[in-house]
Structure formats: structure tokens, C-alpha cells
Amino acid sequence: MTDSTAEHQTPAQIRRTALYLTLAQVPAGKVVSYGQLAELAGLGRAARWVGRTLSQLPPDSKLPWHRVLGAGGRISLPVGSVSGDEQRARLRMEGISVQNNRVDIQRHGWRPVEHSG
């Protein structure tokens, strides 16, 4: 019997897996937007779905959810919320400056290198 877990995944699970695998590659000190993460994961224009899915991660998740921002580097989580404060603290610990609830995408944006096979 071969291991065929991928064959038994629903389309929703496959989308989530692609998202999580891509998110896991975002290095410390770098950020991506919800839309960019969706595109990198091969999910097309699914920024809102990405945001919703990340909001449902378990509290003990090791995925770097804090490195995902709204368009233009905007932190989507409200100022003063527990998760918003945690996101800002985590970004600052990685050397990312947060000013006016934004991160400088030009400076901190993750641009993975395209490898041609």
C-alpha cells in the first residue's frame, strides 16, 4: 500500500495545504500581502479567503501568520486587539518597523526568486 494522503484530500484541504506550505516559506524579517500569498500558493485572486483561513489557525500554530499584511503593507488586525498587538510585537522582534499601522513593503516585502526548471 502506498501513502496516498494527497489523493484523499478535499479541494478545500488541498487549497489550505498549498497556503500553509507557501506561508511557511516566508522568512523572518519579510512580509507578504494576503493577495500575494494567494498568488504564490497558486490560488489566484483569493486574498479574502487567505485572510479568513489564517484567522482560523489554531492558537499554537507555528506558521508565521504575523508576516501576512493587507494591501500596501497595512496591518489588518485592529490596534488594541490581542492578535493585532501580537502581530506588531512579532514583526518588531524580527526587525520590521511598524509605523502608522503599516509596514514598508518596498523594504520588507518578500520577493521569492523565480527558479526556472
PDB file of N, CA and C in Angstrom:
ATOM      1  N   MET A   1       0.842  -1.187   0.000  1.00  0.00           N
ATOM      2  CA  MET A   1       0.000   0.000   0.000  1.00  0.00           C
ATOM      3  C   MET A   1       0.887   1.250   0.000  1.00  0.00           C
ATOM      4  N   THR A   2       0.630   2.141  -0.902  1.00  0.00           N
ATOM      5  CA  THR A   2       1.413   3.376  -0.924  1.00  0.00           C
ATOM      6  C   THR A   2       0.713   4.438  -0.103  1.00  0.00           C
ATOM      7  N   ASP A   3       1.477   5.408   0.366  1.00  0.00           N
ATOM      8  CA  ASP A   3       0.899   6.504   1.127  1.00  0.00           C
ATOM      9  C   ASP A   3       0.233   7.454   0.140  1.00  0.00           C
ATOM     10  N   SER A   4      -1.082   7.570   0.220  1.00  0.00           N
ATOM     11  CA  SER A   4      -1.793   8.390  -0.771  1.00  0.00           C
ATOM     12  C   SER A   4      -2.690   9.408  -0.078  1.00  0.00           C
ATOM     13  N   THR A   5      -2.153  10.076   0.939  1.00  0.00           N
ATOM     14  CA  THR A   5      -2.968  11.047   1.666  1.00  0.00           C
ATOM     15  C   THR A   5      -3.433  12.179   0.757  1.00  0.00           C
ATOM     16  N   ALA A   6      -2.589  12.605  -0.179  1.00  0.00           N
ATOM     17  CA  ALA A   6      -2.961  13.715  -1.056  1.00  0.00           C
ATOM     18  C   ALA A   6      -4.176  13.352  -1.901  1.00  0.00           C
ATOM     19  N   GLU A   7      -4.288  12.084  -2.276  1.00  0.00           N
ATOM     20  CA  GLU A   7      -5.408  11.659  -3.112  1.00  0.00           C
ATOM     21  C   GLU A   7      -6.734  11.745  -2.368  1.00  0.00           C
ATOM     22  N   HIS A   8      -6.692  11.702  -1.053  1.00  0.00           N
ATOM     23  CA  HIS A   8      -7.922  11.685  -0.268  1.00  0.00           C
ATOM     24  C   HIS A   8      -8.272  13.049   0.297  1.00  0.00           C
ATOM     25  N   GLN A   9      -7.543  14.077  -0.089  1.00  0.00           N
ATOM     26  CA  GLN A   9      -7.841  15.424   0.396  1.00  0.00           C
ATOM     27  C   GLN A   9      -8.959  16.054  -0.422  1.00  0.00           C
ATOM     28  N   THR A  10      -9.808  16.806   0.243  1.00  0.00           N
ATOM     29  CA  THR A  10     -10.843  17.556  -0.465  1.00  0.00           C
ATOM     30  C   THR A  10     -10.180  18.761  -1.137  1.00  0.00           C
ATOM     31  N   PRO A  11     -10.844  19.357  -2.121  1.00  0.00           N
ATOM     32  CA  PRO A  11     -10.283  20.573  -2.739  1.00  0.00           C
ATOM     33  C   PRO A  11      -9.978  21.656  -1.707  1.00  0.00           C
ATOM     34  N   ALA A  12     -10.831  21.788  -0.698  1.00  0.00           N
ATOM     35  CA  ALA A  12     -10.587  22.795   0.341  1.00  0.00           C
ATOM     36  C   ALA A  12      -9.318  22.480   1.122  1.00  0.00           C
ATOM     37  N   GLN A  13      -9.090  21.205   1.425  1.00  0.00           N
ATOM     38  CA  GLN A  13      -7.877  20.815   2.153  1.00  0.00           C
ATOM     39  C   GLN A  13      -6.635  21.038   1.292  1.00  0.00           C
ATOM     40  N   ILE A  14      -6.748  20.784   0.016  1.00  0.00           N
ATOM     41  CA  ILE A  14      -5.615  20.986  -0.896  1.00  0.00           C
ATOM     42  C   ILE A  14      -5.270  22.477  -0.955  1.00  0.00           C
ATOM     43  N   ARG A  15      -6.296  23.333  -1.037  1.00  0.00           N
ATOM     44  CA  ARG A  15      -6.060  24.788  -1.049  1.00  0.00           C
ATOM     45  C   ARG A  15      -5.378  25.229   0.242  1.00  0.00           C
ATOM     46  N   ARG A  16      -5.882  24.730   1.365  1.00  0.00           N
ATOM     47  CA  ARG A  16      -5.302  25.090   2.668  1.00  0.00           C
ATOM     48  C   ARG A  16      -3.854  24.626   2.765  1.00  0.00           C
ATOM     49  N   THR A  17      -3.589  23.404   2.315  1.00  0.00           N
ATOM     50  CA  THR A  17      -2.229  22.865   2.355  1.00  0.00           C
ATOM     51  C   THR A  17      -1.285  23.726   1.519  1.00  0.00           C
ATOM     52  N   ALA A  18      -1.725  24.108   0.313  1.00  0.00           N
ATOM     53  CA  ALA A  18      -0.901  24.958  -0.556  1.00  0.00           C
ATOM     54  C   ALA A  18      -0.615  26.284   0.140  1.00  0.00           C
ATOM     55  N   LEU A  19      -1.634  26.844   0.784  1.00  0.00           N
ATOM     56  CA  LEU A  19      -1.470  28.115   1.509  1.00  0.00           C
ATOM     57  C   LEU A  19      -0.455  27.962   2.631  1.00  0.00           C
ATOM     58  N   TYR A  20      -0.611  26.927   3.450  1.00  0.00           N
ATOM     59  CA  TYR A  20       0.271  26.734   4.609  1.00  0.00           C
ATOM     60  C   TYR A  20       1.710  26.468   4.181  1.00  0.00           C
ATOM     61  N   LEU A  21       1.888  25.675   3.131  1.00  0.00           N
ATOM     62  CA  LEU A  21       3.252  25.385   2.658  1.00  0.00           C
ATOM     63  C   LEU A  21       3.929  26.653   2.154  1.00  0.00           C
ATOM     64  N   THR A  22       3.176  27.515   1.478  1.00  0.00           N
ATOM     65  CA  THR A  22       3.736  28.771   0.963  1.00  0.00           C
ATOM     66  C   THR A  22       4.034  29.718   2.116  1.00  0.00           C
ATOM     67  N   LEU A  23       3.105  29.841   3.054  1.00  0.00           N
ATOM     68  CA  LEU A  23       3.300  30.724   4.203  1.00  0.00           C
ATOM     69  C   LEU A  23       4.533  30.303   5.010  1.00  0.00           C
ATOM     70  N   ALA A  24       4.745  29.014   5.138  1.00  0.00           N
ATOM     71  CA  ALA A  24       5.881  28.504   5.917  1.00  0.00           C
ATOM     72  C   ALA A  24       7.220  28.939   5.329  1.00  0.00           C
ATOM     73  N   GLN A  25       7.231  29.323   4.048  1.00  0.00           N
ATOM     74  CA  GLN A  25       8.486  29.722   3.378  1.00  0.00           C
ATOM     75  C   GLN A  25       8.820  31.199   3.552  1.00  0.00           C
ATOM     76  N   VAL A  26       7.880  31.994   4.046  1.00  0.00           N
ATOM     77  CA  VAL A  26       8.138  33.434   4.202  1.00  0.00           C
ATOM     78  C   VAL A  26       9.163  33.612   5.322  1.00  0.00           C
ATOM     79  N   PRO A  27      10.349  34.148   5.008  1.00  0.00           N
ATOM     80  CA  PRO A  27      11.422  34.221   6.014  1.00  0.00           C
ATOM     81  C   PRO A  27      11.188  35.325   7.053  1.00  0.00           C
ATOM     82  N   ALA A  28      11.811  35.150   8.194  1.00  0.00           N
ATOM     83  CA  ALA A  28      11.765  36.168   9.246  1.00  0.00           C
ATOM     84  C   ALA A  28      12.262  37.489   8.679  1.00  0.00           C
ATOM     85  N   GLY A  29      11.616  38.585   9.086  1.00  0.00           N
ATOM     86  CA  GLY A  29      12.022  39.902   8.612  1.00  0.00           C
ATOM     87  C   GLY A  29      11.416  40.283   7.278  1.00  0.00           C
ATOM     88  N   LYS A  30      10.571  39.404   6.713  1.00  0.00           N
ATOM     89  CA  LYS A  30       9.910  39.687   5.436  1.00  0.00           C
ATOM     90  C   LYS A  30       8.408  39.563   5.612  1.00  0.00           C
ATOM     91  N   VAL A  31       7.666  40.260   4.764  1.00  0.00           N
ATOM     92  CA  VAL A  31       6.208  40.206   4.817  1.00  0.00           C
ATOM     93  C   VAL A  31       5.631  40.002   3.415  1.00  0.00           C
ATOM     94  N   VAL A  32       4.403  39.502   3.359  1.00  0.00           N
ATOM     95  CA  VAL A  32       3.666  39.368   2.106  1.00  0.00           C
ATOM     96  C   VAL A  32       2.252  39.894   2.344  1.00  0.00           C
ATOM     97  N   SER A  33       1.579  40.258   1.268  1.00  0.00           N
ATOM     98  CA  SER A  33       0.171  40.658   1.397  1.00  0.00           C
ATOM     99  C   SER A  33      -0.686  39.406   1.247  1.00  0.00           C
ATOM    100  N   TYR A  34      -1.933  39.505   1.689  1.00  0.00           N
ATOM    101  CA  TYR A  34      -2.856  38.379   1.540  1.00  0.00           C
ATOM    102  C   TYR A  34      -2.958  37.967   0.075  1.00  0.00           C
ATOM    103  N   GLY A  35      -3.074  38.960  -0.812  1.00  0.00           N
ATOM    104  CA  GLY A  35      -3.202  38.675  -2.240  1.00  0.00           C
ATOM    105  C   GLY A  35      -1.958  38.031  -2.830  1.00  0.00           C
ATOM    106  N   GLN A  36      -0.788  38.531  -2.422  1.00  0.00           N
ATOM    107  CA  GLN A  36       0.467  37.968  -2.922  1.00  0.00           C
ATOM    108  C   GLN A  36       0.615  36.527  -2.457  1.00  0.00           C
ATOM    109  N   LEU A  37       0.266  36.262  -1.206  1.00  0.00           N
ATOM    110  CA  LEU A  37       0.364  34.901  -0.671  1.00  0.00           C
ATOM    111  C   LEU A  37      -0.554  33.964  -1.460  1.00  0.00           C
ATOM    112  N   ALA A  38      -1.759  34.422  -1.763  1.00  0.00           N
ATOM    113  CA  ALA A  38      -2.697  33.604  -2.540  1.00  0.00           C
ATOM    114  C   ALA A  38      -2.108  33.272  -3.916  1.00  0.00           C
ATOM    115  N   GLU A  39      -1.533  34.288  -4.568  1.00  0.00           N
ATOM    116  CA  GLU A  39      -0.956  34.053  -5.895  1.00  0.00           C
ATOM    117  C   GLU A  39       0.237  33.110  -5.836  1.00  0.00           C
ATOM    118  N   LEU A  40       1.120  33.310  -4.854  1.00  0.00           N
ATOM    119  CA  LEU A  40       2.303  32.446  -4.718  1.00  0.00           C
ATOM    120  C   LEU A  40       1.904  30.998  -4.458  1.00  0.00           C
ATOM    121  N   ALA A  41       0.782  30.817  -3.767  1.00  0.00           N
ATOM    122  CA  ALA A  41       0.312  29.464  -3.447  1.00  0.00           C
ATOM    123  C   ALA A  41      -0.472  28.848  -4.600  1.00  0.00           C
ATOM    124  N   GLY A  42      -0.615  29.615  -5.710  1.00  0.00           N
ATOM    125  CA  GLY A  42      -1.336  29.097  -6.865  1.00  0.00           C
ATOM    126  C   GLY A  42      -2.847  29.142  -6.698  1.00  0.00           C
ATOM    127  N   LEU A  43      -3.324  30.055  -5.858  1.00  0.00           N
ATOM    128  CA  LEU A  43      -4.756  30.120  -5.570  1.00  0.00           C
ATOM    129  C   LEU A  43      -5.446  31.286  -6.275  1.00  0.00           C
ATOM    130  N   GLY A  44      -4.705  32.000  -7.117  1.00  0.00           N
ATOM    131  CA  GLY A  44      -5.303  33.107  -7.849  1.00  0.00           C
ATOM    132  C   GLY A  44      -5.623  34.291  -6.954  1.00  0.00           C
ATOM    133  N   ARG A  45      -6.722  34.949  -7.265  1.00  0.00           N
ATOM    134  CA  ARG A  45      -7.112  36.147  -6.514  1.00  0.00           C
ATOM    135  C   ARG A  45      -7.996  35.735  -5.341  1.00  0.00           C
ATOM    136  N   ALA A  46      -7.361  35.346  -4.254  1.00  0.00           N
ATOM    137  CA  ALA A  46      -8.113  34.804  -3.118  1.00  0.00           C
ATOM    138  C   ALA A  46      -7.690  35.464  -1.814  1.00  0.00           C
ATOM    139  N   ALA A  47      -7.424  36.767  -1.867  1.00  0.00           N
ATOM    140  CA  ALA A  47      -6.918  37.472  -0.685  1.00  0.00           C
ATOM    141  C   ALA A  47      -7.866  37.338   0.508  1.00  0.00           C
ATOM    142  N   ARG A  48      -9.153  37.513   0.276  1.00  0.00           N
ATOM    143  CA  ARG A  48     -10.108  37.429   1.387  1.00  0.00           C
ATOM    144  C   ARG A  48     -10.156  36.030   1.972  1.00  0.00           C
ATOM    145  N   TRP A  49     -10.107  35.021   1.104  1.00  0.00           N
ATOM    146  CA  TRP A  49     -10.098  33.630   1.571  1.00  0.00           C
ATOM    147  C   TRP A  49      -8.851  33.369   2.422  1.00  0.00           C
ATOM    148  N   VAL A  50      -7.710  33.894   1.984  1.00  0.00           N
ATOM    149  CA  VAL A  50      -6.470  33.740   2.747  1.00  0.00           C
ATOM    150  C   VAL A  50      -6.641  34.351   4.138  1.00  0.00           C
ATOM    151  N   GLY A  51      -7.169  35.560   4.200  1.00  0.00           N
ATOM    152  CA  GLY A  51      -7.382  36.222   5.485  1.00  0.00           C
ATOM    153  C   GLY A  51      -8.292  35.424   6.396  1.00  0.00           C
ATOM    154  N   ARG A  52      -9.396  34.935   5.827  1.00  0.00           N
ATOM    155  CA  ARG A  52     -10.335  34.125   6.608  1.00  0.00           C
ATOM    156  C   ARG A  52      -9.680  32.850   7.111  1.00  0.00           C
ATOM    157  N   THR A  53      -8.946  32.184   6.234  1.00  0.00           N
ATOM    158  CA  THR A  53      -8.314  30.915   6.595  1.00  0.00           C
ATOM    159  C   THR A  53      -7.263  31.115   7.680  1.00  0.00           C
ATOM    160  N   LEU A  54      -6.466  32.176   7.558  1.00  0.00           N
ATOM    161  CA  LEU A  54      -5.441  32.438   8.571  1.00  0.00           C
ATOM    162  C   LEU A  54      -6.072  32.801   9.913  1.00  0.00           C
ATOM    163  N   SER A  55      -7.246  33.416   9.883  1.00  0.00           N
ATOM    164  CA  SER A  55      -7.901  33.788  11.144  1.00  0.00           C
ATOM    165  C   SER A  55      -8.386  32.545  11.893  1.00  0.00           C
ATOM    166  N   GLN A  56      -8.431  31.419  11.205  1.00  0.00           N
ATOM    167  CA  GLN A  56      -8.906  30.180  11.828  1.00  0.00           C
ATOM    168  C   GLN A  56      -7.768  29.256  12.250  1.00  0.00           C
ATOM    169  N   LEU A  57      -6.525  29.719  12.146  1.00  0.00           N
ATOM    170  CA  LEU A  57      -5.400  28.887  12.583  1.00  0.00           C
ATOM    171  C   LEU A  57      -5.518  28.622  14.084  1.00  0.00           C
ATOM    172  N   PRO A  58      -5.101  27.428  14.526  1.00  0.00           N
ATOM    173  CA  PRO A  58      -5.115  27.176  15.968  1.00  0.00           C
ATOM    174  C   PRO A  58      -4.122  28.087  16.685  1.00  0.00           C
ATOM    175  N   PRO A  59      -4.401  28.435  17.946  1.00  0.00           N
ATOM    176  CA  PRO A  59      -3.539  29.366  18.689  1.00  0.00           C
ATOM    177  C   PRO A  59      -2.078  28.907  18.773  1.00  0.00           C
ATOM    178  N   ASP A  60      -1.845  27.599  18.732  1.00  0.00           N
ATOM    179  CA  ASP A  60      -0.472  27.088  18.883  1.00  0.00           C
ATOM    180  C   ASP A  60       0.205  26.864  17.531  1.00  0.00           C
ATOM    181  N   SER A  61      -0.376  27.396  16.461  1.00  0.00           N
ATOM    182  CA  SER A  61       0.202  27.213  15.131  1.00  0.00           C
ATOM    183  C   SER A  61       1.614  27.804  15.073  1.00  0.00           C
ATOM    184  N   LYS A  62       2.505  27.096  14.402  1.00  0.00           N
ATOM    185  CA  LYS A  62       3.881  27.574  14.242  1.00  0.00           C
ATOM    186  C   LYS A  62       4.039  28.367  12.942  1.00  0.00           C
ATOM    187  N   LEU A  63       2.978  28.471  12.152  1.00  0.00           N
ATOM    188  CA  LEU A  63       3.060  29.216  10.896  1.00  0.00           C
ATOM    189  C   LEU A  63       3.237  30.708  11.178  1.00  0.00           C
ATOM    190  N   PRO A  64       4.032  31.395  10.371  1.00  0.00           N
ATOM    191  CA  PRO A  64       4.293  32.827  10.603  1.00  0.00           C
ATOM    192  C   PRO A  64       3.169  33.719  10.075  1.00  0.00           C
ATOM    193  N   TRP A  65       1.967  33.545  10.606  1.00  0.00           N
ATOM    194  CA  TRP A  65       0.792  34.312  10.161  1.00  0.00           C
ATOM    195  C   TRP A  65       1.005  35.817  10.309  1.00  0.00           C
ATOM    196  N   HIS A  66       1.856  36.194  11.254  1.00  0.00           N
ATOM    197  CA  HIS A  66       2.069  37.625  11.518  1.00  0.00           C
ATOM    198  C   HIS A  66       2.793  38.324  10.373  1.00  0.00           C
ATOM    199  N   ARG A  67       3.356  37.561   9.439  1.00  0.00           N
ATOM    200  CA  ARG A  67       4.072  38.148   8.307  1.00  0.00           C
ATOM    201  C   ARG A  67       3.152  38.443   7.121  1.00  0.00           C
ATOM    202  N   VAL A  68       1.850  38.228   7.290  1.00  0.00           N
ATOM    203  CA  VAL A  68       0.888  38.467   6.214  1.00  0.00           C
ATOM    204  C   VAL A  68       0.116  39.751   6.517  1.00  0.00           C
ATOM    205  N   LEU A  69       0.133  40.683   5.555  1.00  0.00           N
ATOM    206  CA  LEU A  69      -0.454  42.004   5.761  1.00  0.00           C
ATOM    207  C   LEU A  69      -1.479  42.317   4.682  1.00  0.00           C
ATOM    208  N   GLY A  70      -2.254  43.344   4.929  1.00  0.00           N
ATOM    209  CA  GLY A  70      -3.190  43.827   3.925  1.00  0.00           C
ATOM    210  C   GLY A  70      -2.451  44.555   2.811  1.00  0.00           C
ATOM    211  N   ALA A  71      -3.200  44.971   1.823  1.00  0.00           N
ATOM    212  CA  ALA A  71      -2.618  45.670   0.675  1.00  0.00           C
ATOM    213  C   ALA A  71      -1.843  46.904   1.134  1.00  0.00           C
ATOM    214  N   GLY A  72      -0.715  47.143   0.497  1.00  0.00           N
ATOM    215  CA  GLY A  72       0.086  48.320   0.807  1.00  0.00           C
ATOM    216  C   GLY A  72       0.805  48.236   2.143  1.00  0.00           C
ATOM    217  N   GLY A  73       0.884  47.024   2.716  1.00  0.00           N
ATOM    218  CA  GLY A  73       1.607  46.857   3.984  1.00  0.00           C
ATOM    219  C   GLY A  73       0.786  47.196   5.207  1.00  0.00           C
ATOM    220  N   ARG A  74      -0.522  47.342   5.031  1.00  0.00           N
ATOM    221  CA  ARG A  74      -1.392  47.717   6.149  1.00  0.00           C
ATOM    222  C   ARG A  74      -1.650  46.507   7.055  1.00  0.00           C
ATOM    223  N   ILE A  75      -1.546  46.722   8.349  1.00  0.00           N
ATOM    224  CA  ILE A  75      -1.885  45.672   9.301  1.00  0.00           C
ATOM    225  C   ILE A  75      -3.401  45.665   9.439  1.00  0.00           C
ATOM    226  N   SER A  76      -4.007  44.533   9.123  1.00  0.00           N
ATOM    227  CA  SER A  76      -5.468  44.451   9.067  1.00  0.00           C
ATOM    228  C   SER A  76      -6.101  44.306  10.444  1.00  0.00           C
ATOM    229  N   LEU A  77      -5.358  43.722  11.384  1.00  0.00           N
ATOM    230  CA  LEU A  77      -5.920  43.487  12.712  1.00  0.00           C
ATOM    231  C   LEU A  77      -6.015  44.804  13.477  1.00  0.00           C
ATOM    232  N   PRO A  78      -7.096  44.996  14.235  1.00  0.00           N
ATOM    233  CA  PRO A  78      -7.311  46.278  14.916  1.00  0.00           C
ATOM    234  C   PRO A  78      -6.249  46.589  15.969  1.00  0.00           C
ATOM    235  N   VAL A  79      -5.894  47.863  16.058  1.00  0.00           N
ATOM    236  CA  VAL A  79      -4.998  48.325  17.117  1.00  0.00           C
ATOM    237  C   VAL A  79      -5.689  48.065  18.443  1.00  0.00           C
ATOM    238  N   GLY A  80      -4.946  47.513  19.389  1.00  0.00           N
ATOM    239  CA  GLY A  80      -5.533  47.246  20.694  1.00  0.00           C
ATOM    240  C   GLY A  80      -6.122  45.854  20.825  1.00  0.00           C
ATOM    241  N   SER A  81      -6.271  45.133  19.707  1.00  0.00           N
ATOM    242  CA  SER A  81      -6.753  43.753  19.799  1.00  0.00           C
ATOM    243  C   SER A  81      -5.576  42.863  20.185  1.00  0.00           C
ATOM    244  N   VAL A  82      -5.872  41.745  20.837  1.00  0.00           N
ATOM    245  CA  VAL A  82      -4.807  40.833  21.283  1.00  0.00           C
ATOM    246  C   VAL A  82      -3.986  40.354  20.096  1.00  0.00           C
ATOM    247  N   SER A  83      -4.670  39.894  19.034  1.00  0.00           N
ATOM    248  CA  SER A  83      -3.930  39.372  17.880  1.00  0.00           C
ATOM    249  C   SER A  83      -3.189  40.489  17.146  1.00  0.00           C
ATOM    250  N   GLY A  84      -3.792  41.684  17.084  1.00  0.00           N
ATOM    251  CA  GLY A  84      -3.121  42.808  16.431  1.00  0.00           C
ATOM    252  C   GLY A  84      -1.862  43.213  17.175  1.00  0.00           C
ATOM    253  N   ASP A  85      -1.962  43.289  18.506  1.00  0.00           N
ATOM    254  CA  ASP A  85      -0.792  43.635  19.317  1.00  0.00           C
ATOM    255  C   ASP A  85       0.285  42.560  19.187  1.00  0.00           C
ATOM    256  N   GLU A  86      -0.140  41.291  19.144  1.00  0.00           N
ATOM    257  CA  GLU A  86       0.834  40.206  18.996  1.00  0.00           C
ATOM    258  C   GLU A  86       1.527  40.295  17.639  1.00  0.00           C
ATOM    259  N   GLN A  87       0.748  40.601  16.586  1.00  0.00           N
ATOM    260  CA  GLN A  87       1.342  40.723  15.253  1.00  0.00           C
ATOM    261  C   GLN A  87       2.386  41.834  15.234  1.00  0.00           C
ATOM    262  N   ARG A  88       2.046  43.006  15.770  1.00  0.00           N
ATOM    263  CA  ARG A  88       3.001  44.121  15.793  1.00  0.00           C
ATOM    264  C   ARG A  88       4.256  43.762  16.579  1.00  0.00           C
ATOM    265  N   ALA A  89       4.076  43.106  17.730  1.00  0.00           N
ATOM    266  CA  ALA A  89       5.223  42.720  18.566  1.00  0.00           C
ATOM    267  C   ALA A  89       6.118  41.725  17.834  1.00  0.00           C
ATOM    268  N   ARG A  90       5.507  40.735  17.179  1.00  0.00           N
ATOM    269  CA  ARG A  90       6.294  39.732  16.454  1.00  0.00           C
ATOM    270  C   ARG A  90       7.068  40.369  15.301  1.00  0.00           C
ATOM    271  N   LEU A  91       6.415  41.267  14.568  1.00  0.00           N
ATOM    272  CA  LEU A  91       7.092  41.933  13.443  1.00  0.00           C
ATOM    273  C   LEU A  91       8.271  42.756  13.959  1.00  0.00           C
ATOM    274  N   ARG A  92       8.055  43.488  15.033  1.00  0.00           N
ATOM    275  CA  ARG A  92       9.144  44.313  15.587  1.00  0.00           C
ATOM    276  C   ARG A  92      10.294  43.450  16.078  1.00  0.00           C
ATOM    277  N   MET A  93       9.996  42.278  16.648  1.00  0.00           N
ATOM    278  CA  MET A  93      11.057  41.369  17.111  1.00  0.00           C
ATOM    279  C   MET A  93      11.912  40.884  15.943  1.00  0.00           C
ATOM    280  N   GLU A  94      11.331  40.878  14.743  1.00  0.00           N
ATOM    281  CA  GLU A  94      12.062  40.440  13.551  1.00  0.00           C
ATOM    282  C   GLU A  94      12.740  41.613  12.848  1.00  0.00           C
ATOM    283  N   GLY A  95      12.698  42.787  13.475  1.00  0.00           N
ATOM    284  CA  GLY A  95      13.383  43.939  12.911  1.00  0.00           C
ATOM    285  C   GLY A  95      12.568  44.710  11.887  1.00  0.00           C
ATOM    286  N   ILE A  96      11.264  44.456  11.848  1.00  0.00           N
ATOM    287  CA  ILE A  96      10.397  45.157  10.903  1.00  0.00           C
ATOM    288  C   ILE A  96       9.776  46.341  11.621  1.00  0.00           C
ATOM    289  N   SER A  97       9.940  47.537  11.051  1.00  0.00           N
ATOM    290  CA  SER A  97       9.356  48.706  11.702  1.00  0.00           C
ATOM    291  C   SER A  97       7.907  48.861  11.270  1.00  0.00           C
ATOM    292  N   VAL A  98       7.059  49.131  12.251  1.00  0.00           N
ATOM    293  CA  VAL A  98       5.635  49.351  12.007  1.00  0.00           C
ATOM    294  C   VAL A  98       5.347  50.804  12.355  1.00  0.00           C
ATOM    295  N   GLN A  99       4.901  51.572  11.374  1.00  0.00           N
ATOM    296  CA  GLN A  99       4.573  52.985  11.603  1.00  0.00           C
ATOM    297  C   GLN A  99       3.213  53.290  11.017  1.00  0.00           C
ATOM    298  N   ASN A 100       2.386  53.961  11.815  1.00  0.00           N
ATOM    299  CA  ASN A 100       1.017  54.284  11.385  1.00  0.00           C
ATOM    300  C   ASN A 100       0.290  53.029  10.908  1.00  0.00           C
ATOM    301  N   ASN A 101       0.509  51.939  11.628  1.00  0.00           N
ATOM    302  CA  ASN A 101      -0.164  50.675  11.335  1.00  0.00           C
ATOM    303  C   ASN A 101       0.210  50.095   9.971  1.00  0.00           C
ATOM    304  N   ARG A 102       1.382  50.494   9.468  1.00  0.00           N
ATOM    305  CA  ARG A 102       1.855  49.998   8.175  1.00  0.00           C
ATOM    306  C   ARG A 102       3.299  49.526   8.257  1.00  0.00           C
ATOM    307  N   VAL A 103       3.628  48.636   7.315  1.00  0.00           N
ATOM    308  CA  VAL A 103       4.998  48.166   7.148  1.00  0.00           C
ATOM    309  C   VAL A 103       5.453  48.607   5.765  1.00  0.00           C
ATOM    310  N   ASP A 104       6.689  49.024   5.638  1.00  0.00           N
ATOM    311  CA  ASP A 104       7.242  49.454   4.352  1.00  0.00           C
ATOM    312  C   ASP A 104       7.471  48.218   3.470  1.00  0.00           C
ATOM    313  N   ILE A 105       6.551  48.028   2.526  1.00  0.00           N
ATOM    314  CA  ILE A 105       6.614  46.848   1.649  1.00  0.00           C
ATOM    315  C   ILE A 105       7.864  46.881   0.769  1.00  0.00           C
ATOM    316  N   GLN A 106       8.262  48.073   0.336  1.00  0.00           N
ATOM    317  CA  GLN A 106       9.470  48.170  -0.506  1.00  0.00           C
ATOM    318  C   GLN A 106      10.670  47.605   0.241  1.00  0.00           C
ATOM    319  N   ARG A 107      10.729  47.871   1.525  1.00  0.00           N
ATOM    320  CA  ARG A 107      11.878  47.466   2.321  1.00  0.00           C
ATOM    321  C   ARG A 107      11.763  46.039   2.832  1.00  0.00           C
ATOM    322  N   HIS A 108      10.561  45.649   3.250  1.00  0.00           N
ATOM    323  CA  HIS A 108      10.398  44.365   3.933  1.00  0.00           C
ATOM    324  C   HIS A 108       9.626  43.320   3.135  1.00  0.00           C
ATOM    325  N   GLY A 109       9.154  43.699   1.943  1.00  0.00           N
ATOM    326  CA  GLY A 109       8.359  42.753   1.154  1.00  0.00           C
ATOM    327  C   GLY A 109       9.183  41.554   0.709  1.00  0.00           C
ATOM    328  N   TRP A 110       8.563  40.379   0.783  1.00  0.00           N
ATOM    329  CA  TRP A 110       9.235  39.139   0.365  1.00  0.00           C
ATOM    330  C   TRP A 110       9.045  38.962  -1.135  1.00  0.00           C
ATOM    331  N   ARG A 111      10.156  38.843  -1.846  1.00  0.00           N
ATOM    332  CA  ARG A 111      10.101  38.582  -3.275  1.00  0.00           C
ATOM    333  C   ARG A 111      10.872  37.304  -3.551  1.00  0.00           C
ATOM    334  N   PRO A 112      10.163  36.169  -3.528  1.00  0.00           N
ATOM    335  CA  PRO A 112      10.871  34.915  -3.775  1.00  0.00           C
ATOM    336  C   PRO A 112      11.444  34.886  -5.176  1.00  0.00           C
ATOM    337  N   VAL A 113      12.606  34.314  -5.314  1.00  0.00           N
ATOM    338  CA  VAL A 113      13.272  34.241  -6.615  1.00  0.00           C
ATOM    339  C   VAL A 113      12.599  33.154  -7.436  1.00  0.00           C
ATOM    340  N   GLU A 114      12.270  33.499  -8.669  1.00  0.00           N
ATOM    341  CA  GLU A 114      11.666  32.502  -9.565  1.00  0.00           C
ATOM    342  C   GLU A 114      12.784  31.602 -10.079  1.00  0.00           C
ATOM    343  N   HIS A 115      12.601  30.305  -9.889  1.00  0.00           N
ATOM    344  CA  HIS A 115      13.591  29.347 -10.414  1.00  0.00           C
ATOM    345  C   HIS A 115      13.026  28.712 -11.666  1.00  0.00           C
ATOM    346  N   SER A 116      13.787  28.748 -12.744  1.00  0.00           N
ATOM    347  CA  SER A 116      13.309  28.070 -13.948  1.00  0.00           C
ATOM    348  C   SER A 116      13.907  26.668 -13.942  1.00  0.00           C
ATOM    349  N   GLY A 117      13.035  25.682 -14.124  1.00  0.00           N
ATOM    350  CA  GLY A 117      13.414  24.279 -14.011  1.00  0.00           C
ATOM    351  C   GLY A 117      14.347  23.884 -15.072  1.00  0.00           C
TER     352      GLY A 117
END
